[in-house]
PDB file of N, CA and C in Angstrom:
ATOM      1  N   UNK A   1      -6.839  54.138  49.967  1.00  0.00           N
ATOM      2  CA  UNK A   1      -8.179  54.322  50.490  1.00  0.00           C
ATOM      3  C   UNK A   1      -8.060  55.048  51.834  1.00  0.00           C
ATOM      4  N   UNK A   2      -8.935  55.992  52.072  1.00  0.00           N
ATOM      5  CA  UNK A   2      -8.907  56.766  53.302  1.00  0.00           C
ATOM      6  C   UNK A   2      -9.314  55.911  54.495  1.00  0.00           C
ATOM      7  N   UNK A   3      -8.774  56.265  55.640  1.00  0.00           N
ATOM      8  CA  UNK A   3      -9.052  55.536  56.879  1.00  0.00           C
ATOM      9  C   UNK A   3     -10.553  55.521  57.190  1.00  0.00           C
ATOM     10  N   UNK A   4     -11.229  56.636  56.991  1.00  0.00           N
ATOM     11  CA  UNK A   4     -12.669  56.709  57.280  1.00  0.00           C
ATOM     12  C   UNK A   4     -13.459  55.766  56.370  1.00  0.00           C
ATOM     13  N   UNK A   5     -13.043  55.672  55.124  1.00  0.00           N
ATOM     14  CA  UNK A   5     -13.711  54.768  54.181  1.00  0.00           C
ATOM     15  C   UNK A   5     -13.511  53.319  54.600  1.00  0.00           C
ATOM     16  N   UNK A   6     -12.292  52.988  54.989  1.00  0.00           N
ATOM     17  CA  UNK A   6     -11.999  51.627  55.444  1.00  0.00           C
ATOM     18  C   UNK A   6     -12.820  51.303  56.686  1.00  0.00           C
ATOM     19  N   UNK A   7     -12.874  52.240  57.621  1.00  0.00           N
ATOM     20  CA  UNK A   7     -13.640  52.003  58.846  1.00  0.00           C
ATOM     21  C   UNK A   7     -15.130  51.823  58.549  1.00  0.00           C
ATOM     22  N   UNK A   8     -15.659  52.605  57.635  1.00  0.00           N
ATOM     23  CA  UNK A   8     -17.072  52.483  57.264  1.00  0.00           C
ATOM     24  C   UNK A   8     -17.340  51.123  56.610  1.00  0.00           C
ATOM     25  N   UNK A   9     -16.455  50.716  55.716  1.00  0.00           N
ATOM     26  CA  UNK A   9     -16.617  49.412  55.057  1.00  0.00           C
ATOM     27  C   UNK A   9     -16.453  48.268  56.058  1.00  0.00           C
ATOM     28  N   UNK A  10     -15.562  48.464  57.007  1.00  0.00           N
ATOM     29  CA  UNK A  10     -15.364  47.461  58.053  1.00  0.00           C
ATOM     30  C   UNK A  10     -16.615  47.331  58.919  1.00  0.00           C
ATOM     31  N   UNK A  11     -17.212  48.443  59.256  1.00  0.00           N
ATOM     32  CA  UNK A  11     -18.459  48.428  60.033  1.00  0.00           C
ATOM     33  C   UNK A  11     -19.574  47.745  59.250  1.00  0.00           C
ATOM     34  N   UNK A  12     -19.664  48.050  57.959  1.00  0.00           N
ATOM     35  CA  UNK A  12     -20.683  47.415  57.113  1.00  0.00           C
ATOM     36  C   UNK A  12     -20.472  45.903  57.043  1.00  0.00           C
ATOM     37  N   UNK A  13     -19.229  45.493  56.848  1.00  0.00           N
ATOM     38  CA  UNK A  13     -18.925  44.060  56.772  1.00  0.00           C
ATOM     39  C   UNK A  13     -19.253  43.371  58.093  1.00  0.00           C
ATOM     40  N   UNK A  14     -18.927  44.035  59.188  1.00  0.00           N
ATOM     41  CA  UNK A  14     -19.217  43.469  60.512  1.00  0.00           C
ATOM     42  C   UNK A  14     -20.725  43.307  60.718  1.00  0.00           C
ATOM     43  N   UNK A  15     -21.486  44.327  60.349  1.00  0.00           N
ATOM     44  CA  UNK A  15     -22.949  44.259  60.487  1.00  0.00           C
ATOM     45  C   UNK A  15     -23.532  43.131  59.636  1.00  0.00           C
ATOM     46  N   UNK A  16     -23.049  43.011  58.410  1.00  0.00           N
ATOM     47  CA  UNK A  16     -23.522  41.937  57.536  1.00  0.00           C
ATOM     48  C   UNK A  16     -23.159  40.566  58.104  1.00  0.00           C
ATOM     49  N   UNK A  17     -21.984  40.473  58.688  1.00  0.00           N
ATOM     50  CA  UNK A  17     -21.530  39.219  59.284  1.00  0.00           C
ATOM     51  C   UNK A  17     -22.403  38.832  60.473  1.00  0.00           C
ATOM     52  N   UNK A  18     -22.748  39.802  61.299  1.00  0.00           N
ATOM     53  CA  UNK A  18     -23.632  39.522  62.435  1.00  0.00           C
ATOM     54  C   UNK A  18     -25.000  39.034  61.961  1.00  0.00           C
ATOM     55  N   UNK A  19     -25.539  39.695  60.938  1.00  0.00           N
ATOM     56  CA  UNK A  19     -26.844  39.276  60.398  1.00  0.00           C
ATOM     57  C   UNK A  19     -26.769  37.868  59.817  1.00  0.00           C
ATOM     58  N   UNK A  20     -25.718  37.597  59.079  1.00  0.00           N
ATOM     59  CA  UNK A  20     -25.565  36.280  58.453  1.00  0.00           C
ATOM     60  C   UNK A  20     -25.426  35.187  59.511  1.00  0.00           C
ATOM     61  N   UNK A  21     -24.692  35.468  60.565  1.00  0.00           N
ATOM     62  CA  UNK A  21     -24.556  34.470  61.639  1.00  0.00           C
ATOM     63  C   UNK A  21     -25.884  34.249  62.353  1.00  0.00           C
ATOM     64  N   UNK A  22     -26.665  35.306  62.505  1.00  0.00           N
ATOM     65  CA  UNK A  22     -28.000  35.164  63.085  1.00  0.00           C
ATOM     66  C   UNK A  22     -28.900  34.325  62.196  1.00  0.00           C
ATOM     67  N   UNK A  23     -28.830  34.581  60.890  1.00  0.00           N
ATOM     68  CA  UNK A  23     -29.609  33.786  59.936  1.00  0.00           C
ATOM     69  C   UNK A  23     -29.196  32.320  59.990  1.00  0.00           C
ATOM     70  N   UNK A  24     -27.894  32.077  60.149  1.00  0.00           N
ATOM     71  CA  UNK A  24     -27.397  30.704  60.225  1.00  0.00           C
ATOM     72  C   UNK A  24     -27.948  29.990  61.455  1.00  0.00           C
ATOM     73  N   UNK A  25     -28.005  30.687  62.572  1.00  0.00           N
ATOM     74  CA  UNK A  25     -28.542  30.080  63.793  1.00  0.00           C
ATOM     75  C   UNK A  25     -30.004  29.683  63.599  1.00  0.00           C
ATOM     76  N   UNK A  26     -30.773  30.559  62.982  1.00  0.00           N
ATOM     77  CA  UNK A  26     -32.190  30.265  62.721  1.00  0.00           C
ATOM     78  C   UNK A  26     -32.313  29.106  61.731  1.00  0.00           C
ATOM     79  N   UNK A  27     -31.526  29.155  60.676  1.00  0.00           N
ATOM     80  CA  UNK A  27     -31.575  28.109  59.661  1.00  0.00           C
ATOM     81  C   UNK A  27     -31.190  26.751  60.243  1.00  0.00           C
ATOM     82  N   UNK A  28     -30.200  26.733  61.128  1.00  0.00           N
ATOM     83  CA  UNK A  28     -29.801  25.475  61.761  1.00  0.00           C
ATOM     84  C   UNK A  28     -30.940  24.876  62.580  1.00  0.00           C
ATOM     85  N   UNK A  29     -31.651  25.718  63.310  1.00  0.00           N
ATOM     86  CA  UNK A  29     -32.797  25.235  64.090  1.00  0.00           C
ATOM     87  C   UNK A  29     -33.879  24.689  63.168  1.00  0.00           C
ATOM     88  N   UNK A  30     -34.158  25.408  62.098  1.00  0.00           N
ATOM     89  CA  UNK A  30     -35.177  24.958  61.152  1.00  0.00           C
ATOM     90  C   UNK A  30     -34.759  23.661  60.468  1.00  0.00           C
ATOM     91  N   UNK A  31     -33.484  23.554  60.166  1.00  0.00           N
ATOM     92  CA  UNK A  31     -32.979  22.359  59.494  1.00  0.00           C
ATOM     93  C   UNK A  31     -33.111  21.126  60.382  1.00  0.00           C
ATOM     94  N   UNK A  32     -32.904  21.292  61.670  1.00  0.00           N
ATOM     95  CA  UNK A  32     -33.101  20.167  62.591  1.00  0.00           C
ATOM     96  C   UNK A  32     -34.533  19.645  62.508  1.00  0.00           C
ATOM     97  N   UNK A  33     -35.477  20.545  62.513  1.00  0.00           N
ATOM     98  CA  UNK A  33     -36.892  20.160  62.452  1.00  0.00           C
ATOM     99  C   UNK A  33     -37.208  19.504  61.108  1.00  0.00           C
ATOM    100  N   UNK A  34     -36.741  20.101  60.034  1.00  0.00           N
ATOM    101  CA  UNK A  34     -37.018  19.560  58.700  1.00  0.00           C
ATOM    102  C   UNK A  34     -36.393  18.172  58.539  1.00  0.00           C
ATOM    103  N   UNK A  35     -35.193  17.987  59.061  1.00  0.00           N
ATOM    104  CA  UNK A  35     -34.561  16.667  58.992  1.00  0.00           C
ATOM    105  C   UNK A  35     -35.336  15.634  59.806  1.00  0.00           C
ATOM    106  N   UNK A  36     -35.843  16.029  60.960  1.00  0.00           N
ATOM    107  CA  UNK A  36     -36.668  15.121  61.763  1.00  0.00           C
ATOM    108  C   UNK A  36     -37.932  14.730  61.003  1.00  0.00           C
ATOM    109  N   UNK A  37     -38.547  15.701  60.359  1.00  0.00           N
ATOM    110  CA  UNK A  37     -39.754  15.423  59.569  1.00  0.00           C
ATOM    111  C   UNK A  37     -39.424  14.463  58.426  1.00  0.00           C
ATOM    112  N   UNK A  38     -38.304  14.693  57.755  1.00  0.00           N
ATOM    113  CA  UNK A  38     -37.903  13.811  56.653  1.00  0.00           C
ATOM    114  C   UNK A  38     -37.665  12.392  57.164  1.00  0.00           C
ATOM    115  N   UNK A  39     -37.034  12.264  58.325  1.00  0.00           N
ATOM    116  CA  UNK A  39     -36.814  10.934  58.908  1.00  0.00           C
ATOM    117  C   UNK A  39     -38.133  10.262  59.264  1.00  0.00           C
ATOM    118  N   UNK A  40     -39.038  11.029  59.867  1.00  0.00           N
ATOM    119  CA  UNK A  40     -40.350  10.477  60.230  1.00  0.00           C
ATOM    120  C   UNK A  40     -41.120  10.015  58.996  1.00  0.00           C
ATOM    121  N   UNK A  41     -41.110  10.828  57.957  1.00  0.00           N
ATOM    122  CA  UNK A  41     -41.850  10.440  56.750  1.00  0.00           C
ATOM    123  C   UNK A  41     -41.192   9.242  56.066  1.00  0.00           C
ATOM    124  N   UNK A  42     -39.874   9.125  56.198  1.00  0.00           N
ATOM    125  CA  UNK A  42     -39.182   7.952  55.637  1.00  0.00           C
ATOM    126  C   UNK A  42     -39.660   6.687  56.338  1.00  0.00           C
ATOM    127  N   UNK A  43     -39.723   6.744  57.675  1.00  0.00           N
ATOM    128  CA  UNK A  43     -40.200   5.577  58.425  1.00  0.00           C
ATOM    129  C   UNK A  43     -41.654   5.253  58.091  1.00  0.00           C
ATOM    130  N   UNK A  44     -42.475   6.285  57.999  1.00  0.00           N
ATOM    131  CA  UNK A  44     -43.885   6.059  57.641  1.00  0.00           C
ATOM    132  C   UNK A  44     -44.007   5.429  56.253  1.00  0.00           C
ATOM    133  N   UNK A  45     -43.175   5.890  55.335  1.00  0.00           N
ATOM    134  CA  UNK A  45     -43.213   5.342  53.981  1.00  0.00           C
ATOM    135  C   UNK A  45     -42.796   3.875  53.975  1.00  0.00           C
ATOM    136  N   UNK A  46     -41.813   3.535  54.801  1.00  0.00           N
ATOM    137  CA  UNK A  46     -41.384   2.136  54.885  1.00  0.00           C
ATOM    138  C   UNK A  46     -42.470   1.253  55.478  1.00  0.00           C
ATOM    139  N   UNK A  47     -43.119   1.751  56.513  1.00  0.00           N
ATOM    140  CA  UNK A  47     -44.153   0.967  57.193  1.00  0.00           C
ATOM    141  C   UNK A  47     -45.424   0.892  56.350  1.00  0.00           C
ATOM    142  N   UNK A  48     -45.845   2.018  55.818  1.00  0.00           N
ATOM    143  CA  UNK A  48     -47.119   2.077  55.098  1.00  0.00           C
ATOM    144  C   UNK A  48     -47.038   1.443  53.710  1.00  0.00           C
ATOM    145  N   UNK A  49     -45.901   1.587  53.070  1.00  0.00           N
ATOM    146  CA  UNK A  49     -45.705   1.069  51.715  1.00  0.00           C
ATOM    147  C   UNK A  49     -46.803   1.528  50.755  1.00  0.00           C
ATOM    148  N   UNK A  50     -47.156   2.812  50.862  1.00  0.00           N
ATOM    149  CA  UNK A  50     -48.166   3.370  49.958  1.00  0.00           C
ATOM    150  C   UNK A  50     -47.539   4.477  49.125  1.00  0.00           C
ATOM    151  N   UNK A  51     -48.092   4.729  47.951  1.00  0.00           N
ATOM    152  CA  UNK A  51     -47.572   5.815  47.112  1.00  0.00           C
ATOM    153  C   UNK A  51     -47.680   7.182  47.792  1.00  0.00           C
ATOM    154  N   UNK A  52     -48.746   7.382  48.555  1.00  0.00           N
ATOM    155  CA  UNK A  52     -48.923   8.671  49.236  1.00  0.00           C
ATOM    156  C   UNK A  52     -47.816   8.883  50.262  1.00  0.00           C
ATOM    157  N   UNK A  53     -47.524   7.858  51.043  1.00  0.00           N
ATOM    158  CA  UNK A  53     -46.467   7.964  52.055  1.00  0.00           C
ATOM    159  C   UNK A  53     -45.110   8.175  51.393  1.00  0.00           C
ATOM    160  N   UNK A  54     -44.881   7.492  50.296  1.00  0.00           N
ATOM    161  CA  UNK A  54     -43.620   7.659  49.572  1.00  0.00           C
ATOM    162  C   UNK A  54     -43.490   9.079  49.028  1.00  0.00           C
ATOM    163  N   UNK A  55     -44.591   9.619  48.507  1.00  0.00           N
ATOM    164  CA  UNK A  55     -44.594  10.987  47.985  1.00  0.00           C
ATOM    165  C   UNK A  55     -44.324  12.001  49.097  1.00  0.00           C
ATOM    166  N   UNK A  56     -44.938  11.785  50.259  1.00  0.00           N
ATOM    167  CA  UNK A  56     -44.709  12.683  51.403  1.00  0.00           C
ATOM    168  C   UNK A  56     -43.242  12.666  51.813  1.00  0.00           C
ATOM    169  N   UNK A  57     -42.657  11.471  51.806  1.00  0.00           N
ATOM    170  CA  UNK A  57     -41.233  11.378  52.156  1.00  0.00           C
ATOM    171  C   UNK A  57     -40.373  12.087  51.114  1.00  0.00           C
ATOM    172  N   UNK A  58     -40.667  11.864  49.840  1.00  0.00           N
ATOM    173  CA  UNK A  58     -39.890  12.522  48.781  1.00  0.00           C
ATOM    174  C   UNK A  58     -39.949  14.038  48.918  1.00  0.00           C
ATOM    175  N   UNK A  59     -41.137  14.541  49.196  1.00  0.00           N
ATOM    176  CA  UNK A  59     -41.308  15.989  49.355  1.00  0.00           C
ATOM    177  C   UNK A  59     -40.526  16.507  50.561  1.00  0.00           C
ATOM    178  N   UNK A  60     -40.621  15.810  51.673  1.00  0.00           N
ATOM    179  CA  UNK A  60     -39.898  16.225  52.880  1.00  0.00           C
ATOM    180  C   UNK A  60     -38.388  16.153  52.654  1.00  0.00           C
ATOM    181  N   UNK A  61     -37.942  15.123  51.958  1.00  0.00           N
ATOM    182  CA  UNK A  61     -36.513  14.972  51.685  1.00  0.00           C
ATOM    183  C   UNK A  61     -36.014  16.076  50.758  1.00  0.00           C
ATOM    184  N   UNK A  62     -36.794  16.416  49.742  1.00  0.00           N
ATOM    185  CA  UNK A  62     -36.407  17.514  48.841  1.00  0.00           C
ATOM    186  C   UNK A  62     -36.288  18.824  49.612  1.00  0.00           C
ATOM    187  N   UNK A  63     -37.227  19.049  50.502  1.00  0.00           N
ATOM    188  CA  UNK A  63     -37.203  20.268  51.311  1.00  0.00           C
ATOM    189  C   UNK A  63     -35.936  20.312  52.173  1.00  0.00           C
ATOM    190  N   UNK A  64     -35.578  19.179  52.757  1.00  0.00           N
ATOM    191  CA  UNK A  64     -34.366  19.111  53.580  1.00  0.00           C
ATOM    192  C   UNK A  64     -33.119  19.380  52.742  1.00  0.00           C
ATOM    193  N   UNK A  65     -33.080  18.847  51.537  1.00  0.00           N
ATOM    194  CA  UNK A  65     -31.929  19.057  50.653  1.00  0.00           C
ATOM    195  C   UNK A  65     -31.808  20.533  50.274  1.00  0.00           C
ATOM    196  N   UNK A  66     -32.920  21.159  49.939  1.00  0.00           N
ATOM    197  CA  UNK A  66     -32.902  22.581  49.577  1.00  0.00           C
ATOM    198  C   UNK A  66     -32.430  23.426  50.756  1.00  0.00           C
ATOM    199  N   UNK A  67     -32.907  23.102  51.946  1.00  0.00           N
ATOM    200  CA  UNK A  67     -32.473  23.861  53.126  1.00  0.00           C
ATOM    201  C   UNK A  67     -30.982  23.659  53.387  1.00  0.00           C
ATOM    202  N   UNK A  68     -30.479  22.452  53.170  1.00  0.00           N
ATOM    203  CA  UNK A  68     -29.050  22.191  53.351  1.00  0.00           C
ATOM    204  C   UNK A  68     -28.238  22.994  52.338  1.00  0.00           C
ATOM    205  N   UNK A  69     -28.732  23.096  51.118  1.00  0.00           N
ATOM    206  CA  UNK A  69     -28.048  23.902  50.101  1.00  0.00           C
ATOM    207  C   UNK A  69     -28.050  25.382  50.487  1.00  0.00           C
ATOM    208  N   UNK A  70     -29.157  25.844  51.043  1.00  0.00           N
ATOM    209  CA  UNK A  70     -29.233  27.232  51.518  1.00  0.00           C
ATOM    210  C   UNK A  70     -28.231  27.462  52.638  1.00  0.00           C
ATOM    211  N   UNK A  71     -28.102  26.485  53.506  1.00  0.00           N
ATOM    212  CA  UNK A  71     -27.148  26.582  54.613  1.00  0.00           C
ATOM    213  C   UNK A  71     -25.717  26.663  54.077  1.00  0.00           C
ATOM    214  N   UNK A  72     -25.410  25.835  53.082  1.00  0.00           N
ATOM    215  CA  UNK A  72     -24.072  25.857  52.491  1.00  0.00           C
ATOM    216  C   UNK A  72     -23.782  27.215  51.851  1.00  0.00           C
ATOM    217  N   UNK A  73     -24.760  27.768  51.166  1.00  0.00           N
ATOM    218  CA  UNK A  73     -24.585  29.084  50.542  1.00  0.00           C
ATOM    219  C   UNK A  73     -24.363  30.157  51.607  1.00  0.00           C
ATOM    220  N   UNK A  74     -25.092  30.059  52.699  1.00  0.00           N
ATOM    221  CA  UNK A  74     -24.938  31.028  53.782  1.00  0.00           C
ATOM    222  C   UNK A  74     -23.566  30.886  54.440  1.00  0.00           C
ATOM    223  N   UNK A  75     -23.101  29.656  54.616  1.00  0.00           N
ATOM    224  CA  UNK A  75     -21.757  29.445  55.162  1.00  0.00           C
ATOM    225  C   UNK A  75     -20.697  30.060  54.250  1.00  0.00           C
ATOM    226  N   UNK A  76     -20.890  29.935  52.949  1.00  0.00           N
ATOM    227  CA  UNK A  76     -19.951  30.539  52.001  1.00  0.00           C
ATOM    228  C   UNK A  76     -19.985  32.058  52.116  1.00  0.00           C
ATOM    229  N   UNK A  77     -21.160  32.616  52.268  1.00  0.00           N
ATOM    230  CA  UNK A  77     -21.290  34.076  52.441  1.00  0.00           C
ATOM    231  C   UNK A  77     -20.570  34.521  53.707  1.00  0.00           C
ATOM    232  N   UNK A  78     -20.718  33.775  54.792  1.00  0.00           N
ATOM    233  CA  UNK A  78     -20.039  34.112  56.045  1.00  0.00           C
ATOM    234  C   UNK A  78     -18.529  34.058  55.850  1.00  0.00           C
ATOM    235  N   UNK A  79     -18.051  33.037  55.161  1.00  0.00           N
ATOM    236  CA  UNK A  79     -16.619  32.922  54.887  1.00  0.00           C
ATOM    237  C   UNK A  79     -16.125  34.118  54.075  1.00  0.00           C
ATOM    238  N   UNK A  80     -16.889  34.500  53.062  1.00  0.00           N
ATOM    239  CA  UNK A  80     -16.516  35.654  52.236  1.00  0.00           C
ATOM    240  C   UNK A  80     -16.495  36.946  53.055  1.00  0.00           C
ATOM    241  N   UNK A  81     -17.481  37.116  53.917  1.00  0.00           N
ATOM    242  CA  UNK A  81     -17.534  38.317  54.762  1.00  0.00           C
ATOM    243  C   UNK A  81     -16.372  38.346  55.754  1.00  0.00           C
ATOM    244  N   UNK A  82     -16.028  37.197  56.309  1.00  0.00           N
ATOM    245  CA  UNK A  82     -14.886  37.138  57.230  1.00  0.00           C
ATOM    246  C   UNK A  82     -13.590  37.488  56.503  1.00  0.00           C
ATOM    247  N   UNK A  83     -13.452  36.979  55.284  1.00  0.00           N
ATOM    248  CA  UNK A  83     -12.263  37.286  54.487  1.00  0.00           C
ATOM    249  C   UNK A  83     -12.202  38.788  54.187  1.00  0.00           C
ATOM    250  N   UNK A  84     -13.346  39.359  53.810  1.00  0.00           N
ATOM    251  CA  UNK A  84     -13.409  40.799  53.517  1.00  0.00           C
ATOM    252  C   UNK A  84     -13.059  41.615  54.759  1.00  0.00           C
ATOM    253  N   UNK A  85     -13.580  41.189  55.894  1.00  0.00           N
ATOM    254  CA  UNK A  85     -13.299  41.885  57.145  1.00  0.00           C
ATOM    255  C   UNK A  85     -11.798  41.822  57.457  1.00  0.00           C
ATOM    256  N   UNK A  86     -11.182  40.664  57.258  1.00  0.00           N
ATOM    257  CA  UNK A  86      -9.742  40.520  57.489  1.00  0.00           C
ATOM    258  C   UNK A  86      -8.935  41.422  56.559  1.00  0.00           C
ATOM    259  N   UNK A  87      -9.348  41.485  55.292  1.00  0.00           N
ATOM    260  CA  UNK A  87      -8.650  42.347  54.334  1.00  0.00           C
ATOM    261  C   UNK A  87      -8.734  43.811  54.754  1.00  0.00           C
ATOM    262  N   UNK A  88      -9.904  44.226  55.193  1.00  0.00           N
ATOM    263  CA  UNK A  88     -10.078  45.617  55.626  1.00  0.00           C
ATOM    264  C   UNK A  88      -9.266  45.908  56.881  1.00  0.00           C
ATOM    265  N   UNK A  89      -9.229  44.961  57.806  1.00  0.00           N
ATOM    266  CA  UNK A  89      -8.411  45.147  59.011  1.00  0.00           C
ATOM    267  C   UNK A  89      -6.935  45.251  58.646  1.00  0.00           C
ATOM    268  N   UNK A  90      -6.490  44.426  57.698  1.00  0.00           N
ATOM    269  CA  UNK A  90      -5.101  44.504  57.244  1.00  0.00           C
ATOM    270  C   UNK A  90      -4.803  45.874  56.649  1.00  0.00           C
ATOM    271  N   UNK A  91      -5.712  46.388  55.845  1.00  0.00           N
ATOM    272  CA  UNK A  91      -5.521  47.723  55.261  1.00  0.00           C
ATOM    273  C   UNK A  91      -5.467  48.794  56.337  1.00  0.00           C
ATOM    274  N   UNK A  92      -6.289  48.644  57.337  1.00  0.00           N
ATOM    275  CA  UNK A  92      -6.340  49.623  58.420  1.00  0.00           C
ATOM    276  C   UNK A  92      -5.015  49.639  59.186  1.00  0.00           C
ATOM    277  N   UNK A  93      -4.432  48.467  59.381  1.00  0.00           N
ATOM    278  CA  UNK A  93      -3.172  48.362  60.121  1.00  0.00           C
ATOM    279  C   UNK A  93      -1.996  48.786  59.254  1.00  0.00           C
ATOM    280  N   UNK A  94      -1.985  48.381  57.993  1.00  0.00           N
ATOM    281  CA  UNK A  94      -0.877  48.694  57.091  1.00  0.00           C
ATOM    282  C   UNK A  94      -0.849  50.169  56.736  1.00  0.00           C
ATOM    283  N   UNK A  95      -2.018  50.758  56.541  1.00  0.00           N
ATOM    284  CA  UNK A  95      -2.121  52.167  56.148  1.00  0.00           C
ATOM    285  C   UNK A  95      -2.868  52.937  57.237  1.00  0.00           C
ATOM    286  N   UNK A  96      -2.207  53.179  58.391  1.00  0.00           N
ATOM    287  CA  UNK A  96      -2.903  53.799  59.520  1.00  0.00           C
ATOM    288  C   UNK A  96      -3.327  55.246  59.278  1.00  0.00           C
ATOM    289  N   UNK A  97      -2.801  55.909  58.310  1.00  0.00           N
ATOM    290  CA  UNK A  97      -3.142  57.316  58.129  1.00  0.00           C
ATOM    291  C   UNK A  97      -3.931  57.514  56.916  1.00  0.00           C
TER     292      UNK A  97
END
């Protein structure tokens, strides 16, 4: 692979990695709020002992679980991008010309 191609792919991987890390920061902030809401609705459901309160808690908990799964998928994407970036850097060093 030509050096220019490797450098272009490396730049693309780096840009994608920066975006993914930014998305992770936003998702982490949102997840904190969603988890707090799920905890609050859990307490309300325990105190109120009503079907409506229980349903609200179930919904909030499902939302928190889905967001956690999204976070895990994003972490995997970041890991894959870091691995790709390392592979490209290795190629750049091994094949300097």
